[in-house]
Protein backbone atom coordinates (compact mmCIF):
# COMPACT_ATOMS: atom_id res chain seq x y z
CA MET A 1 7.66 -27.00 9.35
CA LYS A 2 8.85 -23.02 11.28
CA VAL A 3 12.04 -22.40 7.99
CA PHE A 4 9.02 -23.33 5.39
CA LEU A 5 6.68 -21.14 6.48
CA THR A 6 10.20 -18.76 6.83
CA THR A 7 10.99 -19.17 3.83
CA THR A 8 7.51 -18.95 1.90
CA ALA A 9 7.18 -16.37 3.67
CA ALA A 10 10.94 -14.81 2.11
CA VAL A 11 10.11 -15.66 -1.05
CA LEU A 12 6.17 -14.56 -1.69
CA ALA A 13 7.99 -10.61 0.42
CA LEU A 14 10.11 -10.23 -2.58
CA ALA A 15 7.53 -10.86 -5.28
CA ALA A 16 4.49 -8.13 -3.36
CA PRO A 17 5.14 -4.62 -5.02
CA THR A 18 3.87 -6.84 -8.50
CA TRP A 19 0.73 -8.46 -7.12
CA ALA A 20 -0.80 -6.46 -4.16
CA ALA A 21 -3.90 -7.20 -4.15
CA SER A 22 -7.48 -5.18 -2.23
CA PHE A 23 -9.37 -8.61 -0.15
CA SER A 24 -12.08 -6.77 -2.31
CA GLU A 25 -10.14 -7.84 -5.60
CA LEU A 26 -9.22 -11.36 -4.13
CA ASP A 27 -13.12 -12.56 -3.58
CA ALA A 28 -14.12 -12.90 -7.34
CA ASN A 29 -17.92 -13.87 -5.85
CA GLY A 30 -18.22 -11.07 -3.43
CA ASP A 31 -19.33 -14.07 -0.38
CA GLY A 32 -16.39 -13.03 2.09
CA MET A 33 -14.06 -15.94 1.49
CA VAL A 34 -11.60 -16.40 -0.66
CA THR A 35 -10.70 -19.98 -2.16
CA LEU A 36 -7.43 -21.20 -3.61
CA ASP A 37 -8.79 -20.26 -7.17
CA GLU A 38 -9.15 -16.63 -6.22
CA VAL A 39 -6.12 -16.12 -4.72
CA GLU A 40 -3.77 -18.08 -7.89
CA ALA A 41 -6.12 -15.42 -10.62
CA VAL A 42 -4.42 -12.80 -9.05
CA HIS A 43 -1.09 -14.48 -8.13
CA SER A 44 0.05 -17.33 -10.13
CA ASP A 45 2.11 -17.79 -7.81
CA VAL A 46 0.38 -18.63 -4.49
CA THR A 47 0.92 -22.97 -3.62
CA ALA A 48 -1.79 -24.82 -1.59
CA GLU A 49 1.34 -25.18 1.05
CA ALA A 50 1.20 -20.95 1.42
CA PHE A 51 -3.18 -20.76 1.16
CA ALA A 52 -2.87 -23.60 4.10
CA ALA A 53 -0.17 -21.46 6.49
CA MET A 54 -2.59 -18.33 5.99
CA ASP A 55 -5.55 -20.65 6.63
CA THR A 56 -5.65 -20.19 10.51
CA ASN A 57 -8.41 -21.39 10.85
CA MET A 58 -8.67 -24.54 8.50
CA GLU A 59 -11.72 -23.50 7.13
CA GLY A 60 -10.67 -24.12 3.32
CA VAL A 61 -10.53 -20.13 2.42
CA LEU A 62 -9.98 -16.28 3.53
CA ASP A 63 -11.74 -14.60 5.23
CA GLU A 64 -10.71 -11.01 5.92
CA ALA A 65 -9.33 -11.30 8.70
CA GLU A 66 -6.83 -14.39 7.27
CA VAL A 67 -5.66 -12.12 4.26
CA SER A 68 -5.78 -9.20 6.61
CA ALA A 69 -2.94 -11.36 8.85
CA ALA A 70 -1.41 -13.31 5.31
CA GLN A 71 -0.07 -9.78 4.52
CA GLU A 72 1.08 -8.60 7.88
CA ALA A 73 3.22 -11.82 8.06
CA GLY A 74 4.18 -11.51 4.59
CA LEU A 75 2.21 -14.73 3.29
CA LEU A 76 0.19 -11.65 1.02
CA PRO A 77 1.55 -8.43 0.30
CA GLN A 78 -0.59 -5.46 1.82
CA SER A 79 -2.55 -3.53 -0.68
CA ASP A 80 -2.51 -0.02 -2.34
CA SER A 81 -5.82 0.48 -1.77
């Protein structure tokens, strides 16, 4: 699992400059949670496995803290805004 997360982080970090998005850009419906579909709409390279790694509380959605943590870990790019 550690190798998977490290590999995922490295791959996503390389793509980061091309698809940075803020939480509000990811949260298309404005409900304060980001679904896999919402992430994939902005970041088509994100897999269900990568999303699950970002979903630390395993609720099936990402809150703003999880998005921020994923950006800091290199799983999602840092926001330009």
